Amino acid sequence: MDAEEKEICDFLKSWIDQFVSQREICRRAGGKWRFRENPNWALPVLSRMTEKGILESDAAGHFRLAPEKKDDKKKRWLSPHLKKLLEGPVGADGTRITEIEDDPNDPNFGM
């Protein structure tokens, strides 16, 4: 993100979830001297930011910061064994209780 994009983002952060006209962005985001030199300085930057997905625009040509995307991915366990350990019953002291089964083929079985 370059300096112009950062200026526009900082300005639009004060207008959360509201669309702002491109003329207002040109006037207020870069300062009055920049607006006096070139009143349409932000138009190419706004279109570039919209293509990148940083901004979104409405039908009237107003812009706002695009809402952050939420992670809709389902969580997966590394292995069924870890799932069993982490979701098992909890003891009185708050630690997880894990039952270990004896293997009859183990040479130390029954000791």
PDB file of N, CA and C in Angstrom:
ATOM      1  N   MET A   1       0.848  -1.162   0.000  1.00  0.00           N
ATOM      2  CA  MET A   1       0.000   0.000   0.000  1.00  0.00           C
ATOM      3  C   MET A   1       0.903   1.237   0.000  1.00  0.00           C
ATOM      4  N   ASP A   2       0.683   2.131  -0.953  1.00  0.00           N
ATOM      5  CA  ASP A   2       1.512   3.326  -1.035  1.00  0.00           C
ATOM      6  C   ASP A   2       0.945   4.449  -0.150  1.00  0.00           C
ATOM      7  N   ALA A   3       1.576   5.604  -0.174  1.00  0.00           N
ATOM      8  CA  ALA A   3       1.217   6.699   0.725  1.00  0.00           C
ATOM      9  C   ALA A   3      -0.184   7.238   0.439  1.00  0.00           C
ATOM     10  N   GLU A   4      -0.540   7.348  -0.833  1.00  0.00           N
ATOM     11  CA  GLU A   4      -1.872   7.855  -1.178  1.00  0.00           C
ATOM     12  C   GLU A   4      -2.963   6.909  -0.693  1.00  0.00           C
ATOM     13  N   GLU A   5      -2.758   5.613  -0.886  1.00  0.00           N
ATOM     14  CA  GLU A   5      -3.734   4.632  -0.420  1.00  0.00           C
ATOM     15  C   GLU A   5      -3.857   4.681   1.098  1.00  0.00           C
ATOM     16  N   LYS A   6      -2.744   4.854   1.781  1.00  0.00           N
ATOM     17  CA  LYS A   6      -2.768   4.924   3.233  1.00  0.00           C
ATOM     18  C   LYS A   6      -3.546   6.150   3.707  1.00  0.00           C
ATOM     19  N   GLU A   7      -3.343   7.309   3.047  1.00  0.00           N
ATOM     20  CA  GLU A   7      -4.082   8.523   3.401  1.00  0.00           C
ATOM     21  C   GLU A   7      -5.585   8.301   3.265  1.00  0.00           C
ATOM     22  N   ILE A   8      -5.987   7.668   2.173  1.00  0.00           N
ATOM     23  CA  ILE A   8      -7.412   7.423   1.938  1.00  0.00           C
ATOM     24  C   ILE A   8      -7.965   6.445   2.974  1.00  0.00           C
ATOM     25  N   CYS A   9      -7.217   5.394   3.287  1.00  0.00           N
ATOM     26  CA  CYS A   9      -7.660   4.426   4.293  1.00  0.00           C
ATOM     27  C   CYS A   9      -7.801   5.088   5.657  1.00  0.00           C
ATOM     28  N   ASP A  10      -6.832   5.917   6.027  1.00  0.00           N
ATOM     29  CA  ASP A  10      -6.904   6.600   7.318  1.00  0.00           C
ATOM     30  C   ASP A  10      -8.116   7.520   7.385  1.00  0.00           C
ATOM     31  N   PHE A  11      -8.417   8.201   6.274  1.00  0.00           N
ATOM     32  CA  PHE A  11      -9.595   9.068   6.257  1.00  0.00           C
ATOM     33  C   PHE A  11     -10.879   8.254   6.363  1.00  0.00           C
ATOM     34  N   LEU A  12     -10.965   7.149   5.625  1.00  0.00           N
ATOM     35  CA  LEU A  12     -12.195   6.355   5.623  1.00  0.00           C
ATOM     36  C   LEU A  12     -12.394   5.579   6.923  1.00  0.00           C
ATOM     37  N   LYS A  13     -11.348   5.396   7.711  1.00  0.00           N
ATOM     38  CA  LYS A  13     -11.509   4.728   9.005  1.00  0.00           C
ATOM     39  C   LYS A  13     -12.378   5.553   9.943  1.00  0.00           C
ATOM     40  N   SER A  14     -12.435   6.854   9.727  1.00  0.00           N
ATOM     41  CA  SER A  14     -13.298   7.690  10.564  1.00  0.00           C
ATOM     42  C   SER A  14     -14.756   7.628  10.114  1.00  0.00           C
ATOM     43  N   TRP A  15     -15.025   7.030   8.979  1.00  0.00           N
ATOM     44  CA  TRP A  15     -16.379   6.865   8.445  1.00  0.00           C
ATOM     45  C   TRP A  15     -16.700   5.386   8.321  1.00  0.00           C
ATOM     46  N   ILE A  16     -16.611   4.652   9.403  1.00  0.00           N
ATOM     47  CA  ILE A  16     -16.806   3.208   9.368  1.00  0.00           C
ATOM     48  C   ILE A  16     -18.223   2.872   8.903  1.00  0.00           C
ATOM     49  N   ASP A  17     -18.316   1.960   7.947  1.00  0.00           N
ATOM     50  CA  ASP A  17     -19.580   1.442   7.394  1.00  0.00           C
ATOM     51  C   ASP A  17     -20.441   2.513   6.734  1.00  0.00           C
ATOM     52  N   GLN A  18     -19.863   3.656   6.368  1.00  0.00           N
ATOM     53  CA  GLN A  18     -20.614   4.685   5.653  1.00  0.00           C
ATOM     54  C   GLN A  18     -19.928   4.958   4.325  1.00  0.00           C
ATOM     55  N   PHE A  19     -20.731   5.135   3.296  1.00  0.00           N
ATOM     56  CA  PHE A  19     -20.187   5.471   1.995  1.00  0.00           C
ATOM     57  C   PHE A  19     -19.913   6.966   1.941  1.00  0.00           C
ATOM     58  N   VAL A  20     -18.761   7.341   1.371  1.00  0.00           N
ATOM     59  CA  VAL A  20     -18.336   8.741   1.266  1.00  0.00           C
ATOM     60  C   VAL A  20     -18.112   9.034  -0.209  1.00  0.00           C
ATOM     61  N   SER A  21     -18.522  10.227  -0.651  1.00  0.00           N
ATOM     62  CA  SER A  21     -18.383  10.577  -2.056  1.00  0.00           C
ATOM     63  C   SER A  21     -16.920  10.747  -2.430  1.00  0.00           C
ATOM     64  N   GLN A  22     -16.627  10.523  -3.704  1.00  0.00           N
ATOM     65  CA  GLN A  22     -15.245  10.645  -4.152  1.00  0.00           C
ATOM     66  C   GLN A  22     -14.760  12.082  -4.076  1.00  0.00           C
ATOM     67  N   ARG A  23     -15.644  13.052  -4.235  1.00  0.00           N
ATOM     68  CA  ARG A  23     -15.259  14.460  -4.117  1.00  0.00           C
ATOM     69  C   ARG A  23     -14.854  14.782  -2.688  1.00  0.00           C
ATOM     70  N   GLU A  24     -15.579  14.236  -1.721  1.00  0.00           N
ATOM     71  CA  GLU A  24     -15.248  14.460  -0.318  1.00  0.00           C
ATOM     72  C   GLU A  24     -13.913  13.802   0.042  1.00  0.00           C
ATOM     73  N   ILE A  25     -13.658  12.641  -0.520  1.00  0.00           N
ATOM     74  CA  ILE A  25     -12.376  11.971  -0.279  1.00  0.00           C
ATOM     75  C   ILE A  25     -11.242  12.791  -0.876  1.00  0.00           C
ATOM     76  N   CYS A  26     -11.431  13.290  -2.109  1.00  0.00           N
ATOM     77  CA  CYS A  26     -10.401  14.115  -2.738  1.00  0.00           C
ATOM     78  C   CYS A  26     -10.130  15.375  -1.928  1.00  0.00           C
ATOM     79  N   ARG A  27     -11.172  15.951  -1.370  1.00  0.00           N
ATOM     80  CA  ARG A  27     -11.036  17.208  -0.642  1.00  0.00           C
ATOM     81  C   ARG A  27     -10.379  17.033   0.718  1.00  0.00           C
ATOM     82  N   ARG A  28     -10.742  15.962   1.443  1.00  0.00           N
ATOM     83  CA  ARG A  28     -10.316  15.861   2.825  1.00  0.00           C
ATOM     84  C   ARG A  28      -9.146  14.925   3.089  1.00  0.00           C
ATOM     85  N   ALA A  29      -8.962  13.912   2.256  1.00  0.00           N
ATOM     86  CA  ALA A  29      -7.930  12.919   2.542  1.00  0.00           C
ATOM     87  C   ALA A  29      -6.522  13.469   2.313  1.00  0.00           C
ATOM     88  N   GLY A  30      -6.317  14.259   1.289  1.00  0.00           N
ATOM     89  CA  GLY A  30      -4.968  14.722   0.971  1.00  0.00           C
ATOM     90  C   GLY A  30      -4.647  16.118   1.446  1.00  0.00           C
ATOM     91  N   GLY A  31      -5.592  16.796   2.024  1.00  0.00           N
ATOM     92  CA  GLY A  31      -5.356  18.168   2.453  1.00  0.00           C
ATOM     93  C   GLY A  31      -5.826  19.158   1.396  1.00  0.00           C
ATOM     94  N   LYS A  32      -5.979  20.414   1.829  1.00  0.00           N
ATOM     95  CA  LYS A  32      -6.564  21.402   0.920  1.00  0.00           C
ATOM     96  C   LYS A  32      -5.610  21.816  -0.197  1.00  0.00           C
ATOM     97  N   TRP A  33      -4.301  21.812   0.026  1.00  0.00           N
ATOM     98  CA  TRP A  33      -3.365  22.206  -1.026  1.00  0.00           C
ATOM     99  C   TRP A  33      -3.334  21.176  -2.148  1.00  0.00           C
ATOM    100  N   ARG A  34      -3.378  19.922  -1.791  1.00  0.00           N
ATOM    101  CA  ARG A  34      -3.399  18.881  -2.820  1.00  0.00           C
ATOM    102  C   ARG A  34      -4.694  18.983  -3.630  1.00  0.00           C
ATOM    103  N   PHE A  35      -5.803  19.278  -2.956  1.00  0.00           N
ATOM    104  CA  PHE A  35      -7.088  19.421  -3.644  1.00  0.00           C
ATOM    105  C   PHE A  35      -7.082  20.632  -4.564  1.00  0.00           C
ATOM    106  N   ARG A  36      -6.436  21.713  -4.131  1.00  0.00           N
ATOM    107  CA  ARG A  36      -6.369  22.913  -4.982  1.00  0.00           C
ATOM    108  C   ARG A  36      -5.511  22.682  -6.221  1.00  0.00           C
ATOM    109  N   GLU A  37      -4.432  21.922  -6.077  1.00  0.00           N
ATOM    110  CA  GLU A  37      -3.570  21.638  -7.222  1.00  0.00           C
ATOM    111  C   GLU A  37      -4.258  20.723  -8.229  1.00  0.00           C
ATOM    112  N   ASN A  38      -4.923  19.676  -7.734  1.00  0.00           N
ATOM    113  CA  ASN A  38      -5.599  18.720  -8.606  1.00  0.00           C
ATOM    114  C   ASN A  38      -6.832  18.206  -7.871  1.00  0.00           C
ATOM    115  N   PRO A  39      -8.029  18.713  -8.195  1.00  0.00           N
ATOM    116  CA  PRO A  39      -9.235  18.313  -7.466  1.00  0.00           C
ATOM    117  C   PRO A  39      -9.617  16.840  -7.624  1.00  0.00           C
ATOM    118  N   ASN A  40      -9.072  16.161  -8.627  1.00  0.00           N
ATOM    119  CA  ASN A  40      -9.416  14.753  -8.873  1.00  0.00           C
ATOM    120  C   ASN A  40      -8.238  13.825  -8.638  1.00  0.00           C
ATOM    121  N   TRP A  41      -7.371  14.163  -7.725  1.00  0.00           N
ATOM    122  CA  TRP A  41      -6.144  13.387  -7.515  1.00  0.00           C
ATOM    123  C   TRP A  41      -6.425  11.971  -7.032  1.00  0.00           C
ATOM    124  N   ALA A  42      -7.512  11.746  -6.312  1.00  0.00           N
ATOM    125  CA  ALA A  42      -7.760  10.448  -5.695  1.00  0.00           C
ATOM    126  C   ALA A  42      -8.528   9.475  -6.584  1.00  0.00           C
ATOM    127  N   LEU A  43      -9.045   9.933  -7.710  1.00  0.00           N
ATOM    128  CA  LEU A  43      -9.879   9.056  -8.537  1.00  0.00           C
ATOM    129  C   LEU A  43      -9.138   7.810  -9.033  1.00  0.00           C
ATOM    130  N   PRO A  44      -7.923   7.932  -9.585  1.00  0.00           N
ATOM    131  CA  PRO A  44      -7.242   6.685  -9.994  1.00  0.00           C
ATOM    132  C   PRO A  44      -6.861   5.794  -8.807  1.00  0.00           C
ATOM    133  N   VAL A  45      -6.572   6.425  -7.670  1.00  0.00           N
ATOM    134  CA  VAL A  45      -6.218   5.645  -6.484  1.00  0.00           C
ATOM    135  C   VAL A  45      -7.438   4.893  -5.972  1.00  0.00           C
ATOM    136  N   LEU A  46      -8.607   5.545  -6.000  1.00  0.00           N
ATOM    137  CA  LEU A  46      -9.838   4.891  -5.553  1.00  0.00           C
ATOM    138  C   LEU A  46     -10.184   3.699  -6.432  1.00  0.00           C
ATOM    139  N   SER A  47     -10.043   3.844  -7.742  1.00  0.00           N
ATOM    140  CA  SER A  47     -10.359   2.713  -8.628  1.00  0.00           C
ATOM    141  C   SER A  47      -9.361   1.568  -8.426  1.00  0.00           C
ATOM    142  N   ARG A  48      -8.082   1.906  -8.196  1.00  0.00           N
ATOM    143  CA  ARG A  48      -7.075   0.874  -7.940  1.00  0.00           C
ATOM    144  C   ARG A  48      -7.366   0.140  -6.636  1.00  0.00           C
ATOM    145  N   MET A  49      -7.773   0.869  -5.617  1.00  0.00           N
ATOM    146  CA  MET A  49      -8.083   0.248  -4.323  1.00  0.00           C
ATOM    147  C   MET A  49      -9.341  -0.612  -4.405  1.00  0.00           C
ATOM    148  N   THR A  50     -10.291  -0.216  -5.238  1.00  0.00           N
ATOM    149  CA  THR A  50     -11.502  -1.013  -5.429  1.00  0.00           C
ATOM    150  C   THR A  50     -11.165  -2.324  -6.142  1.00  0.00           C
ATOM    151  N   GLU A  51     -10.270  -2.271  -7.120  1.00  0.00           N
ATOM    152  CA  GLU A  51      -9.850  -3.492  -7.819  1.00  0.00           C
ATOM    153  C   GLU A  51      -9.111  -4.443  -6.891  1.00  0.00           C
ATOM    154  N   LYS A  52      -8.330  -3.887  -5.957  1.00  0.00           N
ATOM    155  CA  LYS A  52      -7.601  -4.719  -5.008  1.00  0.00           C
ATOM    156  C   LYS A  52      -8.507  -5.310  -3.933  1.00  0.00           C
ATOM    157  N   GLY A  53      -9.699  -4.759  -3.775  1.00  0.00           N
ATOM    158  CA  GLY A  53     -10.629  -5.260  -2.769  1.00  0.00           C
ATOM    159  C   GLY A  53     -10.513  -4.544  -1.432  1.00  0.00           C
ATOM    160  N   ILE A  54      -9.744  -3.454  -1.379  1.00  0.00           N
ATOM    161  CA  ILE A  54      -9.612  -2.696  -0.137  1.00  0.00           C
ATOM    162  C   ILE A  54     -10.858  -1.854   0.099  1.00  0.00           C
ATOM    163  N   LEU A  55     -11.424  -1.314  -0.990  1.00  0.00           N
ATOM    164  CA  LEU A  55     -12.624  -0.484  -0.916  1.00  0.00           C
ATOM    165  C   LEU A  55     -13.758  -1.166  -1.662  1.00  0.00           C
ATOM    166  N   GLU A  56     -14.971  -0.733  -1.342  1.00  0.00           N
ATOM    167  CA  GLU A  56     -16.129  -1.133  -2.133  1.00  0.00           C
ATOM    168  C   GLU A  56     -16.929   0.119  -2.435  1.00  0.00           C
ATOM    169  N   SER A  57     -17.638   0.103  -3.552  1.00  0.00           N
ATOM    170  CA  SER A  57     -18.385   1.284  -3.963  1.00  0.00           C
ATOM    171  C   SER A  57     -19.849   0.929  -4.178  1.00  0.00           C
ATOM    172  N   ASP A  58     -20.694   1.953  -4.091  1.00  0.00           N
ATOM    173  CA  ASP A  58     -22.117   1.747  -4.350  1.00  0.00           C
ATOM    174  C   ASP A  58     -22.448   2.280  -5.744  1.00  0.00           C
ATOM    175  N   ALA A  59     -23.726   2.274  -6.097  1.00  0.00           N
ATOM    176  CA  ALA A  59     -24.146   2.680  -7.430  1.00  0.00           C
ATOM    177  C   ALA A  59     -23.953   4.175  -7.670  1.00  0.00           C
ATOM    178  N   ALA A  60     -23.916   4.965  -6.617  1.00  0.00           N
ATOM    179  CA  ALA A  60     -23.769   6.415  -6.756  1.00  0.00           C
ATOM    180  C   ALA A  60     -22.309   6.849  -6.859  1.00  0.00           C
ATOM    181  N   GLY A  61     -21.375   5.919  -6.775  1.00  0.00           N
ATOM    182  CA  GLY A  61     -19.971   6.266  -6.875  1.00  0.00           C
ATOM    183  C   GLY A  61     -19.352   6.678  -5.554  1.00  0.00           C
ATOM    184  N   HIS A  62     -19.970   6.275  -4.464  1.00  0.00           N
ATOM    185  CA  HIS A  62     -19.412   6.537  -3.139  1.00  0.00           C
ATOM    186  C   HIS A  62     -18.613   5.320  -2.690  1.00  0.00           C
ATOM    187  N   PHE A  63     -17.634   5.558  -1.827  1.00  0.00           N
ATOM    188  CA  PHE A  63     -16.711   4.500  -1.419  1.00  0.00           C
ATOM    189  C   PHE A  63     -16.704   4.332   0.091  1.00  0.00           C
ATOM    190  N   ARG A  64     -16.362   3.121   0.535  1.00  0.00           N
ATOM    191  CA  ARG A  64     -16.114   2.825   1.943  1.00  0.00           C
ATOM    192  C   ARG A  64     -15.107   1.686   2.022  1.00  0.00           C
ATOM    193  N   LEU A  65     -14.526   1.533   3.205  1.00  0.00           N
ATOM    194  CA  LEU A  65     -13.602   0.424   3.413  1.00  0.00           C
ATOM    195  C   LEU A  65     -14.376  -0.885   3.363  1.00  0.00           C
ATOM    196  N   ALA A  66     -13.827  -1.858   2.704  1.00  0.00           N
ATOM    197  CA  ALA A  66     -14.484  -3.166   2.614  1.00  0.00           C
ATOM    198  C   ALA A  66     -14.419  -3.840   3.976  1.00  0.00           C
ATOM    199  N   PRO A  67     -15.507  -4.470   4.401  1.00  0.00           N
ATOM    200  CA  PRO A  67     -15.470  -5.175   5.688  1.00  0.00           C
ATOM    201  C   PRO A  67     -14.493  -6.335   5.638  1.00  0.00           C
ATOM    202  N   GLU A  68     -13.911  -6.632   6.779  1.00  0.00           N
ATOM    203  CA  GLU A  68     -12.949  -7.726   6.849  1.00  0.00           C
ATOM    204  C   GLU A  68     -13.653  -9.050   6.639  1.00  0.00           C
ATOM    205  N   LYS A  69     -12.990  -9.935   5.933  1.00  0.00           N
ATOM    206  CA  LYS A  69     -13.569 -11.245   5.671  1.00  0.00           C
ATOM    207  C   LYS A  69     -13.371 -12.136   6.880  1.00  0.00           C
ATOM    208  N   LYS A  70     -14.435 -12.850   7.232  1.00  0.00           N
ATOM    209  CA  LYS A  70     -14.357 -13.767   8.359  1.00  0.00           C
ATOM    210  C   LYS A  70     -13.951 -15.144   7.865  1.00  0.00           C
ATOM    211  N   ASP A  71     -13.269 -15.876   8.713  1.00  0.00           N
ATOM    212  CA  ASP A  71     -12.876 -17.242   8.371  1.00  0.00           C
ATOM    213  C   ASP A  71     -14.070 -18.169   8.593  1.00  0.00           C
ATOM    214  N   ASP A  72     -14.625 -18.685   7.503  1.00  0.00           N
ATOM    215  CA  ASP A  72     -15.757 -19.597   7.605  1.00  0.00           C
ATOM    216  C   ASP A  72     -15.310 -21.052   7.496  1.00  0.00           C
ATOM    217  N   LYS A  73     -14.022 -21.265   7.585  1.00  0.00           N
ATOM    218  CA  LYS A  73     -13.520 -22.625   7.468  1.00  0.00           C
ATOM    219  C   LYS A  73     -13.843 -23.408   8.733  1.00  0.00           C
ATOM    220  N   LYS A  74     -14.167 -24.668   8.543  1.00  0.00           N
ATOM    221  CA  LYS A  74     -14.405 -25.530   9.682  1.00  0.00           C
ATOM    222  C   LYS A  74     -13.065 -25.946  10.266  1.00  0.00           C
ATOM    223  N   LYS A  75     -13.024 -26.049  11.570  1.00  0.00           N
ATOM    224  CA  LYS A  75     -11.787 -26.457  12.227  1.00  0.00           C
ATOM    225  C   LYS A  75     -11.639 -27.966  12.111  1.00  0.00           C
ATOM    226  N   ARG A  76     -10.397 -28.392  11.887  1.00  0.00           N
ATOM    227  CA  ARG A  76     -10.107 -29.809  11.788  1.00  0.00           C
ATOM    228  C   ARG A  76      -9.066 -30.175  12.832  1.00  0.00           C
ATOM    229  N   TRP A  77      -9.174 -31.378  13.341  1.00  0.00           N
ATOM    230  CA  TRP A  77      -8.207 -31.881  14.295  1.00  0.00           C
ATOM    231  C   TRP A  77      -7.030 -32.486  13.555  1.00  0.00           C
ATOM    232  N   LEU A  78      -5.881 -32.456  14.203  1.00  0.00           N
ATOM    233  CA  LEU A  78      -4.707 -33.074  13.601  1.00  0.00           C
ATOM    234  C   LEU A  78      -4.874 -34.578  13.494  1.00  0.00           C
ATOM    235  N   SER A  79      -5.421 -35.162  14.553  1.00  0.00           N
ATOM    236  CA  SER A  79      -5.651 -36.600  14.524  1.00  0.00           C
ATOM    237  C   SER A  79      -6.818 -36.915  15.443  1.00  0.00           C
ATOM    238  N   PRO A  80      -7.448 -38.071  15.260  1.00  0.00           N
ATOM    239  CA  PRO A  80      -8.549 -38.447  16.142  1.00  0.00           C
ATOM    240  C   PRO A  80      -8.089 -38.635  17.587  1.00  0.00           C
ATOM    241  N   HIS A  81      -6.815 -39.017  17.776  1.00  0.00           N
ATOM    242  CA  HIS A  81      -6.301 -39.228  19.128  1.00  0.00           C
ATOM    243  C   HIS A  81      -6.252 -37.913  19.896  1.00  0.00           C
ATOM    244  N   LEU A  82      -5.785 -36.850  19.229  1.00  0.00           N
ATOM    245  CA  LEU A  82      -5.746 -35.537  19.882  1.00  0.00           C
ATOM    246  C   LEU A  82      -7.149 -35.035  20.196  1.00  0.00           C
ATOM    247  N   LYS A  83      -8.071 -35.273  19.302  1.00  0.00           N
ATOM    248  CA  LYS A  83      -9.450 -34.860  19.535  1.00  0.00           C
ATOM    249  C   LYS A  83      -9.998 -35.554  20.773  1.00  0.00           C
ATOM    250  N   LYS A  84      -9.742 -36.841  20.871  1.00  0.00           N
ATOM    251  CA  LYS A  84     -10.220 -37.617  22.017  1.00  0.00           C
ATOM    252  C   LYS A  84      -9.592 -37.102  23.313  1.00  0.00           C
ATOM    253  N   LEU A  85      -8.296 -36.794  23.268  1.00  0.00           N
ATOM    254  CA  LEU A  85      -7.625 -36.290  24.460  1.00  0.00           C
ATOM    255  C   LEU A  85      -8.154 -34.924  24.889  1.00  0.00           C
ATOM    256  N   LEU A  86      -8.339 -34.049  23.918  1.00  0.00           N
ATOM    257  CA  LEU A  86      -8.728 -32.678  24.246  1.00  0.00           C
ATOM    258  C   LEU A  86     -10.213 -32.532  24.557  1.00  0.00           C
ATOM    259  N   GLU A  87     -11.044 -33.423  24.084  1.00  0.00           N
ATOM    260  CA  GLU A  87     -12.465 -33.338  24.352  1.00  0.00           C
ATOM    261  C   GLU A  87     -12.917 -34.312  25.433  1.00  0.00           C
ATOM    262  N   GLY A  88     -11.999 -35.010  26.064  1.00  0.00           N
ATOM    263  CA  GLY A  88     -12.347 -35.988  27.086  1.00  0.00           C
ATOM    264  C   GLY A  88     -12.885 -35.330  28.348  1.00  0.00           C
ATOM    265  N   PRO A  89     -13.278 -36.156  29.317  1.00  0.00           N
ATOM    266  CA  PRO A  89     -13.841 -35.612  30.557  1.00  0.00           C
ATOM    267  C   PRO A  89     -12.785 -34.843  31.363  1.00  0.00           C
ATOM    268  N   VAL A  90     -13.276 -33.940  32.199  1.00  0.00           N
ATOM    269  CA  VAL A  90     -12.400 -33.096  33.012  1.00  0.00           C
ATOM    270  C   VAL A  90     -12.505 -33.548  34.465  1.00  0.00           C
ATOM    271  N   GLY A  91     -11.360 -33.657  35.134  1.00  0.00           N
ATOM    272  CA  GLY A  91     -11.329 -34.056  36.533  1.00  0.00           C
ATOM    273  C   GLY A  91     -11.689 -32.916  37.466  1.00  0.00           C
ATOM    274  N   ALA A  92     -11.702 -33.164  38.767  1.00  0.00           N
ATOM    275  CA  ALA A  92     -12.076 -32.166  39.757  1.00  0.00           C
ATOM    276  C   ALA A  92     -11.094 -30.994  39.789  1.00  0.00           C
ATOM    277  N   ASP A  93      -9.823 -31.255  39.501  1.00  0.00           N
ATOM    278  CA  ASP A  93      -8.828 -30.184  39.534  1.00  0.00           C
ATOM    279  C   ASP A  93      -8.726 -29.431  38.211  1.00  0.00           C
ATOM    280  N   GLY A  94      -9.567 -29.729  37.236  1.00  0.00           N
ATOM    281  CA  GLY A  94      -9.595 -29.022  35.968  1.00  0.00           C
ATOM    282  C   GLY A  94      -8.746 -29.644  34.887  1.00  0.00           C
ATOM    283  N   THR A  95      -8.044 -30.726  35.182  1.00  0.00           N
ATOM    284  CA  THR A  95      -7.217 -31.378  34.170  1.00  0.00           C
ATOM    285  C   THR A  95      -8.040 -32.439  33.456  1.00  0.00           C
ATOM    286  N   ARG A  96      -7.620 -32.762  32.259  1.00  0.00           N
ATOM    287  CA  ARG A  96      -8.320 -33.775  31.467  1.00  0.00           C
ATOM    288  C   ARG A  96      -7.981 -35.172  31.972  1.00  0.00           C
ATOM    289  N   ILE A  97      -8.988 -36.033  31.976  1.00  0.00           N
ATOM    290  CA  ILE A  97      -8.809 -37.422  32.395  1.00  0.00           C
ATOM    291  C   ILE A  97      -8.688 -38.274  31.142  1.00  0.00           C
ATOM    292  N   THR A  98      -7.646 -39.052  31.081  1.00  0.00           N
ATOM    293  CA  THR A  98      -7.426 -39.924  29.937  1.00  0.00           C
ATOM    294  C   THR A  98      -7.293 -41.352  30.436  1.00  0.00           C
ATOM    295  N   GLU A  99      -8.080 -42.232  29.835  1.00  0.00           N
ATOM    296  CA  GLU A  99      -7.982 -43.639  30.202  1.00  0.00           C
ATOM    297  C   GLU A  99      -7.046 -44.342  29.240  1.00  0.00           C
ATOM    298  N   ILE A 100      -6.118 -45.110  29.790  1.00  0.00           N
ATOM    299  CA  ILE A 100      -5.170 -45.862  28.980  1.00  0.00           C
ATOM    300  C   ILE A 100      -5.530 -47.328  29.110  1.00  0.00           C
ATOM    301  N   GLU A 101      -5.769 -47.942  27.972  1.00  0.00           N
ATOM    302  CA  GLU A 101      -6.144 -49.350  27.987  1.00  0.00           C
ATOM    303  C   GLU A 101      -4.889 -50.217  27.986  1.00  0.00           C
ATOM    304  N   ASP A 102      -4.943 -51.310  28.762  1.00  0.00           N
ATOM    305  CA  ASP A 102      -3.823 -52.253  28.786  1.00  0.00           C
ATOM    306  C   ASP A 102      -3.891 -53.144  27.559  1.00  0.00           C
ATOM    307  N   ASP A 103      -2.728 -53.448  27.043  1.00  0.00           N
ATOM    308  CA  ASP A 103      -2.637 -54.309  25.877  1.00  0.00           C
ATOM    309  C   ASP A 103      -2.225 -55.703  26.348  1.00  0.00           C
ATOM    310  N   PRO A 104      -3.080 -56.719  26.126  1.00  0.00           N
ATOM    311  CA  PRO A 104      -2.734 -58.060  26.574  1.00  0.00           C
ATOM    312  C   PRO A 104      -1.496 -58.620  25.888  1.00  0.00           C
ATOM    313  N   ASN A 105      -1.085 -58.112  24.732  1.00  0.00           N
ATOM    314  CA  ASN A 105       0.107 -58.586  24.041  1.00  0.00           C
ATOM    315  C   ASN A 105       1.371 -57.941  24.574  1.00  0.00           C
ATOM    316  N   ASP A 106       1.229 -56.985  25.468  1.00  0.00           N
ATOM    317  CA  ASP A 106       2.393 -56.286  26.036  1.00  0.00           C
ATOM    318  C   ASP A 106       3.072 -57.207  27.045  1.00  0.00           C
ATOM    319  N   PRO A 107       4.414 -57.325  27.006  1.00  0.00           N
ATOM    320  CA  PRO A 107       5.107 -58.222  27.961  1.00  0.00           C
ATOM    321  C   PRO A 107       4.972 -57.744  29.403  1.00  0.00           C
ATOM    322  N   ASN A 108       4.698 -56.487  29.620  1.00  0.00           N
ATOM    323  CA  ASN A 108       4.554 -55.948  30.981  1.00  0.00           C
ATOM    324  C   ASN A 108       3.092 -55.938  31.433  1.00  0.00           C
ATOM    325  N   PHE A 109       2.200 -56.634  30.710  1.00  0.00           N
ATOM    326  CA  PHE A 109       0.788 -56.663  31.051  1.00  0.00           C
ATOM    327  C   PHE A 109       0.549 -57.295  32.417  1.00  0.00           C
ATOM    328  N   GLY A 110      -0.229 -56.581  33.244  1.00  0.00           N
ATOM    329  CA  GLY A 110      -0.594 -57.111  34.555  1.00  0.00           C
ATOM    330  C   GLY A 110       0.426 -56.795  35.629  1.00  0.00           C
ATOM    331  N   MET A 111       1.471 -56.087  35.366  1.00  0.00           N
ATOM    332  CA  MET A 111       2.471 -55.772  36.382  1.00  0.00           C
ATOM    333  C   MET A 111       2.115 -54.533  37.135  1.00  0.00           C
TER     334      MET A 111
END
